[in-house]
Amino acid sequence: MSGDPHEARMELASWFAKMLAELDEDHVDDPAAIDDLRYRVGKTFAEWRLKWGYITPGSGGGQT
């Protein structure tokens, strides 16, 4: 992992793309399993944002 934030974000994006490709390779076609994964990723992302202080009012919290 480099110290460059942009490079780190690009590495993360590449990692996510690899995960999605694996879903295709494994022929994951169960909507319930896909929804479960989406829920788990969303929950983990929210917990990460709370831990590192990246939650601000109106930043994706569903508020209008």
C-alpha atoms as a PDB file:
ATOM      1  CA  MET A   1       0.000   0.000   0.000  1.00  0.00           C
ATOM      2  CA  SER A   2       1.392   3.355  -0.957  1.00  0.00           C
ATOM      3  CA  GLY A   3       1.154   6.614   0.951  1.00  0.00           C
ATOM      4  CA  ASP A   4      -0.658   8.288  -1.962  1.00  0.00           C
ATOM      5  CA  PRO A   5      -4.418   8.561  -1.251  1.00  0.00           C
ATOM      6  CA  HIS A   6      -5.373   8.497  -4.934  1.00  0.00           C
ATOM      7  CA  GLU A   7      -3.304   5.385  -5.571  1.00  0.00           C
ATOM      8  CA  ALA A   8      -4.790   3.722  -2.482  1.00  0.00           C
ATOM      9  CA  ARG A   9      -8.335   4.478  -3.726  1.00  0.00           C
ATOM     10  CA  MET A  10      -7.472   3.094  -7.161  1.00  0.00           C
ATOM     11  CA  GLU A  11      -6.108  -0.099  -5.546  1.00  0.00           C
ATOM     12  CA  LEU A  12      -9.344  -0.421  -3.572  1.00  0.00           C
ATOM     13  CA  ALA A  13     -11.405   0.042  -6.740  1.00  0.00           C
ATOM     14  CA  SER A  14      -9.352  -2.611  -8.497  1.00  0.00           C
ATOM     15  CA  TRP A  15      -9.855  -4.974  -5.571  1.00  0.00           C
ATOM     16  CA  PHE A  16     -13.635  -4.427  -5.672  1.00  0.00           C
ATOM     17  CA  ALA A  17     -13.643  -5.051  -9.436  1.00  0.00           C
ATOM     18  CA  LYS A  18     -11.816  -8.347  -8.848  1.00  0.00           C
ATOM     19  CA  MET A  19     -14.418  -9.336  -6.254  1.00  0.00           C
ATOM     20  CA  LEU A  20     -17.237  -8.637  -8.715  1.00  0.00           C
ATOM     21  CA  ALA A  21     -15.444 -10.600 -11.438  1.00  0.00           C
ATOM     22  CA  GLU A  22     -15.206 -13.553  -9.052  1.00  0.00           C
ATOM     23  CA  LEU A  23     -18.978 -13.415  -8.557  1.00  0.00           C
ATOM     24  CA  ASP A  24     -19.367 -13.715 -12.333  1.00  0.00           C
ATOM     25  CA  GLU A  25     -16.765 -16.496 -12.570  1.00  0.00           C
ATOM     26  CA  ASP A  26     -18.502 -18.429  -9.793  1.00  0.00           C
ATOM     27  CA  HIS A  27     -21.870 -17.896 -11.548  1.00  0.00           C
ATOM     28  CA  VAL A  28     -23.402 -16.351  -8.434  1.00  0.00           C
ATOM     29  CA  ASP A  29     -26.997 -15.875  -9.524  1.00  0.00           C
ATOM     30  CA  ASP A  30     -28.960 -16.120  -6.280  1.00  0.00           C
ATOM     31  CA  PRO A  31     -30.562 -12.690  -5.667  1.00  0.00           C
ATOM     32  CA  ALA A  32     -30.762 -13.371  -1.919  1.00  0.00           C
ATOM     33  CA  ALA A  33     -27.029 -14.118  -1.750  1.00  0.00           C
ATOM     34  CA  ILE A  34     -26.224 -10.985  -3.754  1.00  0.00           C
ATOM     35  CA  ASP A  35     -28.471  -8.856  -1.511  1.00  0.00           C
ATOM     36  CA  ASP A  36     -26.794 -10.380   1.551  1.00  0.00           C
ATOM     37  CA  LEU A  37     -23.380  -9.394   0.207  1.00  0.00           C
ATOM     38  CA  ARG A  38     -24.590  -5.867  -0.589  1.00  0.00           C
ATOM     39  CA  TYR A  39     -25.951  -5.549   2.972  1.00  0.00           C
ATOM     40  CA  ARG A  40     -22.687  -6.800   4.511  1.00  0.00           C
ATOM     41  CA  VAL A  41     -20.528  -4.472   2.401  1.00  0.00           C
ATOM     42  CA  GLY A  42     -22.797  -1.504   3.184  1.00  0.00           C
ATOM     43  CA  LYS A  43     -22.768  -2.267   6.915  1.00  0.00           C
ATOM     44  CA  THR A  44     -18.984  -2.637   6.980  1.00  0.00           C
ATOM     45  CA  PHE A  45     -18.546   0.595   5.007  1.00  0.00           C
ATOM     46  CA  ALA A  46     -20.783   2.461   7.488  1.00  0.00           C
ATOM     47  CA  GLU A  47     -18.852   1.043  10.446  1.00  0.00           C
ATOM     48  CA  TRP A  48     -15.568   2.055   8.784  1.00  0.00           C
ATOM     49  CA  ARG A  49     -16.840   5.600   8.225  1.00  0.00           C
ATOM     50  CA  LEU A  50     -17.878   5.881  11.873  1.00  0.00           C
ATOM     51  CA  LYS A  51     -14.531   4.526  13.111  1.00  0.00           C
ATOM     52  CA  TRP A  52     -12.430   6.904  11.019  1.00  0.00           C
ATOM     53  CA  GLY A  53     -14.702   9.961  11.364  1.00  0.00           C
ATOM     54  CA  TYR A  54     -15.783  10.196   7.725  1.00  0.00           C
ATOM     55  CA  ILE A  55     -19.458  10.707   8.464  1.00  0.00           C
ATOM     56  CA  THR A  56     -20.733  14.248   8.182  1.00  0.00           C
ATOM     57  CA  PRO A  57     -24.321  15.496   8.182  1.00  0.00           C
ATOM     58  CA  GLY A  58     -25.911  14.866   4.796  1.00  0.00           C
ATOM     59  CA  SER A  59     -23.084  12.638   3.494  1.00  0.00           C
ATOM     60  CA  GLY A  60     -25.057   9.714   2.136  1.00  0.00           C
ATOM     61  CA  GLY A  61     -27.137   9.158   5.220  1.00  0.00           C
ATOM     62  CA  GLY A  62     -30.363   9.209   3.254  1.00  0.00           C
ATOM     63  CA  GLN A  63     -31.205  12.713   4.407  1.00  0.00           C
ATOM     64  CA  THR A  64     -32.717  15.180   1.990  1.00  0.00           C
END
